[in-house]
């Protein structure tokens, strides 16, 4: 359990660098909303940044696999069946997000291959790139609803564990609801200002810090059950 806690903590730490770099720094500089011509030009001019962004997305999603396994091991003593279900929701989210991220590899190949540049005219090339980039965002956005369900279940397990603070569990469940609402907002209530939800998105950061600082002191399963009077 201690090894699982630290594995989850370090994987979440890696994600805390990879995801902001890819989604908050590189993506807005390369992909210009409503201007696919400028987007294609940006990618062609800054290919190194585009490759780094794509790799950062892939690292982030691969770390999700590690976190899914580690949290399953960590929370199995609480409820094995529910812990497994919780892990499966994160795995499904990651599979969809990874499939979407590989579309960015196709975008790079389209722009980087001279033959493709001659095969497609500028209009056709721009249309292909727009379709792939938009598809990546749509796939990831819809997958985040599954991620939200994962967090709701994870929060319940954490709150019931007795060896991780209950407050973190409640925070994670609220974070899950926020992700579900945010991922469905463009369909159910477009134009709504949901900026206030970002305060809940820090729940995994709180979990990461706790795992890294206190994870090595988590009691063995029989000890934790004894502490809970079971």
C-alpha atoms as a PDB file:
ATOM      1  CA  UNK A   1       0.000   0.000   0.000  1.00  0.00           C
ATOM      2  CA  UNK A   2       2.853   2.374   0.779  1.00  0.00           C
ATOM      3  CA  UNK A   3       4.511   1.633  -2.553  1.00  0.00           C
ATOM      4  CA  UNK A   4       1.180   2.177  -4.312  1.00  0.00           C
ATOM      5  CA  UNK A   5       0.639   5.479  -2.492  1.00  0.00           C
ATOM      6  CA  UNK A   6       4.059   6.790  -3.499  1.00  0.00           C
ATOM      7  CA  UNK A   7       3.663   5.499  -7.076  1.00  0.00           C
ATOM      8  CA  UNK A   8       0.358   7.370  -7.380  1.00  0.00           C
ATOM      9  CA  UNK A   9       1.897  10.476  -5.818  1.00  0.00           C
ATOM     10  CA  UNK A  10       4.872  10.588  -8.191  1.00  0.00           C
ATOM     11  CA  UNK A  11       2.671   9.845 -11.227  1.00  0.00           C
ATOM     12  CA  UNK A  12       0.359  12.703 -10.235  1.00  0.00           C
ATOM     13  CA  UNK A  13       3.428  14.908  -9.782  1.00  0.00           C
ATOM     14  CA  UNK A  14       4.584  14.132 -13.331  1.00  0.00           C
ATOM     15  CA  UNK A  15       1.079  14.904 -14.603  1.00  0.00           C
ATOM     16  CA  UNK A  16       1.099  18.235 -12.772  1.00  0.00           C
ATOM     17  CA  UNK A  17       3.959  19.309 -15.065  1.00  0.00           C
ATOM     18  CA  UNK A  18       2.982  17.533 -18.304  1.00  0.00           C
ATOM     19  CA  UNK A  19      -0.669  18.590 -18.492  1.00  0.00           C
ATOM     20  CA  UNK A  20      -0.206  22.346 -17.848  1.00  0.00           C
ATOM     21  CA  UNK A  21       2.698  22.500 -20.318  1.00  0.00           C
ATOM     22  CA  UNK A  22       0.687  20.781 -23.050  1.00  0.00           C
ATOM     23  CA  UNK A  23      -2.745  22.279 -22.472  1.00  0.00           C
ATOM     24  CA  UNK A  24      -2.049  25.713 -20.983  1.00  0.00           C
ATOM     25  CA  UNK A  25       1.245  26.685 -22.617  1.00  0.00           C
ATOM     26  CA  UNK A  26       1.827  24.875 -25.934  1.00  0.00           C
ATOM     27  CA  UNK A  27      -1.715  24.265 -27.212  1.00  0.00           C
ATOM     28  CA  UNK A  28      -2.919  27.914 -27.037  1.00  0.00           C
ATOM     29  CA  UNK A  29       0.235  29.065 -28.826  1.00  0.00           C
ATOM     30  CA  UNK A  30      -0.193  26.608 -31.669  1.00  0.00           C
ATOM     31  CA  UNK A  31      -3.937  26.172 -32.138  1.00  0.00           C
ATOM     32  CA  UNK A  32      -5.786  29.408 -32.887  1.00  0.00           C
ATOM     33  CA  UNK A  33      -9.531  29.067 -32.489  1.00  0.00           C
ATOM     34  CA  UNK A  34     -11.389  30.027 -35.675  1.00  0.00           C
ATOM     35  CA  UNK A  35      -8.217  30.370 -37.728  1.00  0.00           C
ATOM     36  CA  UNK A  36      -7.097  26.993 -39.012  1.00  0.00           C
ATOM     37  CA  UNK A  37      -4.767  28.571 -41.583  1.00  0.00           C
ATOM     38  CA  UNK A  38      -2.773  30.263 -38.820  1.00  0.00           C
ATOM     39  CA  UNK A  39      -2.877  27.029 -36.806  1.00  0.00           C
ATOM     40  CA  UNK A  40      -1.331  25.039 -39.665  1.00  0.00           C
ATOM     41  CA  UNK A  41       1.305  27.719 -40.125  1.00  0.00           C
ATOM     42  CA  UNK A  42       2.103  27.722 -36.404  1.00  0.00           C
ATOM     43  CA  UNK A  43       2.538  23.946 -36.341  1.00  0.00           C
ATOM     44  CA  UNK A  44       4.719  24.012 -39.469  1.00  0.00           C
ATOM     45  CA  UNK A  45       6.877  26.800 -38.000  1.00  0.00           C
ATOM     46  CA  UNK A  46       7.118  25.411 -34.452  1.00  0.00           C
ATOM     47  CA  UNK A  47       7.278  21.675 -35.060  1.00  0.00           C
ATOM     48  CA  UNK A  48       9.477  21.075 -32.033  1.00  0.00           C
ATOM     49  CA  UNK A  49       6.920  22.676 -29.738  1.00  0.00           C
ATOM     50  CA  UNK A  50       4.137  20.628 -31.336  1.00  0.00           C
ATOM     51  CA  UNK A  51       6.104  17.398 -30.806  1.00  0.00           C
ATOM     52  CA  UNK A  52       6.836  18.377 -27.181  1.00  0.00           C
ATOM     53  CA  UNK A  53       3.142  19.121 -26.643  1.00  0.00           C
ATOM     54  CA  UNK A  54       2.080  15.768 -28.092  1.00  0.00           C
ATOM     55  CA  UNK A  55       4.624  13.900 -25.974  1.00  0.00           C
ATOM     56  CA  UNK A  56       3.452  15.771 -22.869  1.00  0.00           C
ATOM     57  CA  UNK A  57      -0.133  14.707 -23.546  1.00  0.00           C
ATOM     58  CA  UNK A  58       1.004  11.096 -23.984  1.00  0.00           C
ATOM     59  CA  UNK A  59       3.061  11.209 -20.767  1.00  0.00           C
ATOM     60  CA  UNK A  60       0.049  12.616 -18.936  1.00  0.00           C
ATOM     61  CA  UNK A  61      -2.261   9.833 -20.123  1.00  0.00           C
ATOM     62  CA  UNK A  62       0.298   7.090 -19.495  1.00  0.00           C
ATOM     63  CA  UNK A  63       0.681   8.374 -15.942  1.00  0.00           C
ATOM     64  CA  UNK A  64      -3.105   8.038 -15.658  1.00  0.00           C
ATOM     65  CA  UNK A  65      -2.638   4.287 -16.163  1.00  0.00           C
ATOM     66  CA  UNK A  66      -0.130   4.193 -13.306  1.00  0.00           C
ATOM     67  CA  UNK A  67      -2.464   6.186 -11.060  1.00  0.00           C
ATOM     68  CA  UNK A  68      -5.408   3.894 -11.860  1.00  0.00           C
ATOM     69  CA  UNK A  69      -3.393   0.825 -10.839  1.00  0.00           C
ATOM     70  CA  UNK A  70      -1.822   2.423  -7.752  1.00  0.00           C
ATOM     71  CA  UNK A  71      -5.090   3.791  -6.372  1.00  0.00           C
ATOM     72  CA  UNK A  72      -6.747   0.423  -6.943  1.00  0.00           C
ATOM     73  CA  UNK A  73      -4.077  -1.258  -4.811  1.00  0.00           C
ATOM     74  CA  UNK A  74      -4.197   1.510  -2.227  1.00  0.00           C
ATOM     75  CA  UNK A  75      -7.981   1.413  -1.763  1.00  0.00           C
ATOM     76  CA  UNK A  76      -8.649  -2.308  -2.181  1.00  0.00           C
ATOM     77  CA  UNK A  77      -8.847  -2.779   1.620  1.00  0.00           C
ATOM     78  CA  UNK A  78     -11.813  -0.365   1.703  1.00  0.00           C
ATOM     79  CA  UNK A  79     -13.900  -2.147  -0.931  1.00  0.00           C
ATOM     80  CA  UNK A  80     -12.236  -4.350  -3.539  1.00  0.00           C
ATOM     81  CA  UNK A  81     -15.143  -4.377  -6.000  1.00  0.00           C
ATOM     82  CA  UNK A  82     -15.708  -0.622  -5.887  1.00  0.00           C
ATOM     83  CA  UNK A  83     -11.974   0.061  -6.071  1.00  0.00           C
ATOM     84  CA  UNK A  84     -11.816  -2.055  -9.226  1.00  0.00           C
ATOM     85  CA  UNK A  85     -14.790  -0.226 -10.742  1.00  0.00           C
ATOM     86  CA  UNK A  86     -13.160   3.099  -9.889  1.00  0.00           C
ATOM     87  CA  UNK A  87      -9.959   2.035 -11.640  1.00  0.00           C
ATOM     88  CA  UNK A  88     -11.896   0.891 -14.722  1.00  0.00           C
ATOM     89  CA  UNK A  89     -13.531   4.296 -15.121  1.00  0.00           C
ATOM     90  CA  UNK A  90     -10.098   5.928 -15.141  1.00  0.00           C
ATOM     91  CA  UNK A  91      -8.797   3.326 -17.577  1.00  0.00           C
ATOM     92  CA  UNK A  92     -11.718   3.937 -19.960  1.00  0.00           C
ATOM     93  CA  UNK A  93     -11.135   7.682 -19.749  1.00  0.00           C
ATOM     94  CA  UNK A  94      -7.441   7.179 -20.470  1.00  0.00           C
ATOM     95  CA  UNK A  95      -8.068   4.853 -23.426  1.00  0.00           C
ATOM     96  CA  UNK A  96     -10.356   7.406 -25.093  1.00  0.00           C
ATOM     97  CA  UNK A  97      -7.987  10.294 -24.363  1.00  0.00           C
ATOM     98  CA  UNK A  98      -4.977   8.347 -25.667  1.00  0.00           C
ATOM     99  CA  UNK A  99      -6.813   7.483 -28.873  1.00  0.00           C
ATOM    100  CA  UNK A 100      -7.567  11.177 -29.302  1.00  0.00           C
ATOM    101  CA  UNK A 101      -3.956  12.174 -28.630  1.00  0.00           C
ATOM    102  CA  UNK A 102      -2.690   9.915 -31.411  1.00  0.00           C
ATOM    103  CA  UNK A 103      -4.662  12.089 -33.831  1.00  0.00           C
ATOM    104  CA  UNK A 104      -2.122  14.799 -33.063  1.00  0.00           C
ATOM    105  CA  UNK A 105       0.557  12.437 -34.401  1.00  0.00           C
ATOM    106  CA  UNK A 106      -1.435  12.239 -37.647  1.00  0.00           C
ATOM    107  CA  UNK A 107      -1.598  16.055 -37.758  1.00  0.00           C
ATOM    108  CA  UNK A 108       2.186  16.221 -37.474  1.00  0.00           C
ATOM    109  CA  UNK A 109       2.658  13.632 -40.217  1.00  0.00           C
ATOM    110  CA  UNK A 110       0.310  15.539 -42.541  1.00  0.00           C
ATOM    111  CA  UNK A 111       2.226  18.776 -42.103  1.00  0.00           C
ATOM    112  CA  UNK A 112       5.716  17.277 -41.926  1.00  0.00           C
ATOM    113  CA  UNK A 113       5.473  14.985 -44.987  1.00  0.00           C
ATOM    114  CA  UNK A 114       6.252  16.776 -48.262  1.00  0.00           C
ATOM    115  CA  UNK A 115       4.225  14.256 -50.264  1.00  0.00           C
ATOM    116  CA  UNK A 116       1.106  15.027 -48.233  1.00  0.00           C
ATOM    117  CA  UNK A 117       1.620  18.730 -48.825  1.00  0.00           C
ATOM    118  CA  UNK A 118       1.573  18.138 -52.589  1.00  0.00           C
ATOM    119  CA  UNK A 119      -1.212  15.552 -52.431  1.00  0.00           C
ATOM    120  CA  UNK A 120      -3.601  17.894 -50.602  1.00  0.00           C
ATOM    121  CA  UNK A 121      -4.230  21.476 -51.588  1.00  0.00           C
ATOM    122  CA  UNK A 122      -4.139  24.136 -48.854  1.00  0.00           C
ATOM    123  CA  UNK A 123      -7.912  23.990 -48.367  1.00  0.00           C
ATOM    124  CA  UNK A 124      -8.021  20.201 -48.092  1.00  0.00           C
ATOM    125  CA  UNK A 125      -4.977  20.115 -45.784  1.00  0.00           C
ATOM    126  CA  UNK A 126      -6.477  22.747 -43.495  1.00  0.00           C
ATOM    127  CA  UNK A 127      -9.750  20.828 -43.382  1.00  0.00           C
ATOM    128  CA  UNK A 128      -7.962  17.600 -42.456  1.00  0.00           C
ATOM    129  CA  UNK A 129      -5.980  19.299 -39.678  1.00  0.00           C
ATOM    130  CA  UNK A 130      -9.076  21.030 -38.314  1.00  0.00           C
ATOM    131  CA  UNK A 131     -11.016  17.770 -38.257  1.00  0.00           C
ATOM    132  CA  UNK A 132      -8.235  15.956 -36.384  1.00  0.00           C
ATOM    133  CA  UNK A 133      -7.551  18.721 -33.860  1.00  0.00           C
ATOM    134  CA  UNK A 134     -11.253  19.259 -33.148  1.00  0.00           C
ATOM    135  CA  UNK A 135     -11.754  15.504 -32.840  1.00  0.00           C
ATOM    136  CA  UNK A 136      -8.931  15.290 -30.285  1.00  0.00           C
ATOM    137  CA  UNK A 137     -10.529  17.993 -28.137  1.00  0.00           C
ATOM    138  CA  UNK A 138     -14.006  16.462 -28.453  1.00  0.00           C
ATOM    139  CA  UNK A 139     -12.794  12.974 -27.560  1.00  0.00           C
ATOM    140  CA  UNK A 140     -10.901  14.232 -24.519  1.00  0.00           C
ATOM    141  CA  UNK A 141     -13.733  16.486 -23.389  1.00  0.00           C
ATOM    142  CA  UNK A 142     -16.308  13.692 -23.493  1.00  0.00           C
ATOM    143  CA  UNK A 143     -13.886  11.287 -21.800  1.00  0.00           C
ATOM    144  CA  UNK A 144     -13.637  13.728 -18.893  1.00  0.00           C
ATOM    145  CA  UNK A 145     -17.200  12.774 -17.915  1.00  0.00           C
ATOM    146  CA  UNK A 146     -15.861   9.260 -17.219  1.00  0.00           C
ATOM    147  CA  UNK A 147     -12.963  10.812 -15.333  1.00  0.00           C
ATOM    148  CA  UNK A 148     -15.488  12.719 -13.241  1.00  0.00           C
ATOM    149  CA  UNK A 149     -17.320   9.502 -12.342  1.00  0.00           C
ATOM    150  CA  UNK A 150     -13.961   8.000 -11.376  1.00  0.00           C
ATOM    151  CA  UNK A 151     -13.300  10.913  -9.015  1.00  0.00           C
ATOM    152  CA  UNK A 152     -16.738  10.686  -7.396  1.00  0.00           C
ATOM    153  CA  UNK A 153     -16.149   6.998  -6.618  1.00  0.00           C
ATOM    154  CA  UNK A 154     -12.546   7.662  -5.604  1.00  0.00           C
ATOM    155  CA  UNK A 155     -13.694  10.336  -3.173  1.00  0.00           C
ATOM    156  CA  UNK A 156     -16.130   7.918  -1.539  1.00  0.00           C
ATOM    157  CA  UNK A 157     -13.397   5.302  -1.115  1.00  0.00           C
ATOM    158  CA  UNK A 158     -10.938   7.833   0.283  1.00  0.00           C
ATOM    159  CA  UNK A 159     -13.504   9.216   2.729  1.00  0.00           C
ATOM    160  CA  UNK A 160     -14.260   5.677   3.948  1.00  0.00           C
ATOM    161  CA  UNK A 161     -10.648   4.533   4.108  1.00  0.00           C
ATOM    162  CA  UNK A 162      -9.746   5.805   7.561  1.00  0.00           C
ATOM    163  CA  UNK A 163      -6.095   6.211   6.527  1.00  0.00           C
ATOM    164  CA  UNK A 164      -6.528   9.140   4.121  1.00  0.00           C
ATOM    165  CA  UNK A 165      -8.196  12.332   5.419  1.00  0.00           C
ATOM    166  CA  UNK A 166     -11.962  12.315   4.892  1.00  0.00           C
ATOM    167  CA  UNK A 167     -11.844  15.946   3.737  1.00  0.00           C
ATOM    168  CA  UNK A 168      -9.718  14.966   0.743  1.00  0.00           C
ATOM    169  CA  UNK A 169     -12.317  12.343  -0.159  1.00  0.00           C
ATOM    170  CA  UNK A 170     -15.151  14.876  -0.058  1.00  0.00           C
ATOM    171  CA  UNK A 171     -13.058  17.296  -2.125  1.00  0.00           C
ATOM    172  CA  UNK A 172     -12.369  14.593  -4.743  1.00  0.00           C
ATOM    173  CA  UNK A 173     -16.069  13.765  -5.082  1.00  0.00           C
ATOM    174  CA  UNK A 174     -16.923  17.444  -5.561  1.00  0.00           C
ATOM    175  CA  UNK A 175     -14.109  17.617  -8.111  1.00  0.00           C
ATOM    176  CA  UNK A 176     -15.681  14.693  -9.960  1.00  0.00           C
ATOM    177  CA  UNK A 177     -19.060  16.422 -10.129  1.00  0.00           C
ATOM    178  CA  UNK A 178     -17.317  19.566 -11.396  1.00  0.00           C
ATOM    179  CA  UNK A 179     -15.589  17.608 -14.184  1.00  0.00           C
ATOM    180  CA  UNK A 180     -18.861  15.986 -15.240  1.00  0.00           C
ATOM    181  CA  UNK A 181     -20.636  19.360 -15.378  1.00  0.00           C
ATOM    182  CA  UNK A 182     -17.717  20.990 -17.201  1.00  0.00           C
ATOM    183  CA  UNK A 183     -17.430  18.223 -19.820  1.00  0.00           C
ATOM    184  CA  UNK A 184     -21.148  18.371 -20.601  1.00  0.00           C
ATOM    185  CA  UNK A 185     -21.464  22.160 -20.444  1.00  0.00           C
ATOM    186  CA  UNK A 186     -20.924  22.765 -24.164  1.00  0.00           C
ATOM    187  CA  UNK A 187     -23.870  20.460 -24.927  1.00  0.00           C
ATOM    188  CA  UNK A 188     -26.277  21.107 -22.068  1.00  0.00           C
ATOM    189  CA  UNK A 189     -25.709  24.779 -21.298  1.00  0.00           C
ATOM    190  CA  UNK A 190     -23.392  26.436 -23.852  1.00  0.00           C
ATOM    191  CA  UNK A 191     -22.179  29.894 -22.980  1.00  0.00           C
ATOM    192  CA  UNK A 192     -22.511  29.394 -19.215  1.00  0.00           C
ATOM    193  CA  UNK A 193     -19.679  30.830 -17.123  1.00  0.00           C
ATOM    194  CA  UNK A 194     -18.297  27.892 -15.174  1.00  0.00           C
ATOM    195  CA  UNK A 195     -14.983  29.430 -14.137  1.00  0.00           C
ATOM    196  CA  UNK A 196     -15.883  28.883 -10.483  1.00  0.00           C
ATOM    197  CA  UNK A 197     -15.515  25.115 -11.016  1.00  0.00           C
ATOM    198  CA  UNK A 198     -11.743  25.442 -11.258  1.00  0.00           C
ATOM    199  CA  UNK A 199     -11.487  25.693  -7.480  1.00  0.00           C
ATOM    200  CA  UNK A 200     -12.556  22.031  -7.335  1.00  0.00           C
ATOM    201  CA  UNK A 201     -10.010  20.920  -9.940  1.00  0.00           C
ATOM    202  CA  UNK A 202      -7.254  21.243  -7.315  1.00  0.00           C
ATOM    203  CA  UNK A 203      -8.502  18.154  -5.465  1.00  0.00           C
ATOM    204  CA  UNK A 204      -6.034  15.813  -7.156  1.00  0.00           C
ATOM    205  CA  UNK A 205      -3.257  18.251  -6.260  1.00  0.00           C
ATOM    206  CA  UNK A 206      -4.298  17.961  -2.612  1.00  0.00           C
ATOM    207  CA  UNK A 207      -4.303  14.162  -2.920  1.00  0.00           C
ATOM    208  CA  UNK A 208      -0.893  14.215  -4.607  1.00  0.00           C
ATOM    209  CA  UNK A 209       0.668  16.304  -1.838  1.00  0.00           C
ATOM    210  CA  UNK A 210      -0.784  14.056   0.847  1.00  0.00           C
ATOM    211  CA  UNK A 211       0.431  10.890  -0.893  1.00  0.00           C
ATOM    212  CA  UNK A 212       3.958  12.245  -1.318  1.00  0.00           C
ATOM    213  CA  UNK A 213       4.202  13.590   2.237  1.00  0.00           C
ATOM    214  CA  UNK A 214       2.275  10.960   4.178  1.00  0.00           C
ATOM    215  CA  UNK A 215       1.961   8.000   1.828  1.00  0.00           C
ATOM    216  CA  UNK A 216       5.018   6.235   3.204  1.00  0.00           C
ATOM    217  CA  UNK A 217       3.345   6.146   6.633  1.00  0.00           C
ATOM    218  CA  UNK A 218       0.089   4.476   5.558  1.00  0.00           C
ATOM    219  CA  UNK A 219      -0.562   1.525   7.878  1.00  0.00           C
ATOM    220  CA  UNK A 220      -0.760  -2.042   6.631  1.00  0.00           C
ATOM    221  CA  UNK A 221      -4.290  -3.267   5.796  1.00  0.00           C
ATOM    222  CA  UNK A 222      -4.778  -5.152   9.078  1.00  0.00           C
ATOM    223  CA  UNK A 223      -3.575  -2.117  11.034  1.00  0.00           C
ATOM    224  CA  UNK A 224      -5.966   0.242   9.234  1.00  0.00           C
ATOM    225  CA  UNK A 225      -8.892  -2.111   9.795  1.00  0.00           C
ATOM    226  CA  UNK A 226      -8.035  -2.320  13.477  1.00  0.00           C
ATOM    227  CA  UNK A 227      -7.940   1.467  13.714  1.00  0.00           C
ATOM    228  CA  UNK A 228     -11.440   1.583  12.254  1.00  0.00           C
ATOM    229  CA  UNK A 229     -12.684  -1.000  14.755  1.00  0.00           C
ATOM    230  CA  UNK A 230     -13.283  -3.693  12.135  1.00  0.00           C
END
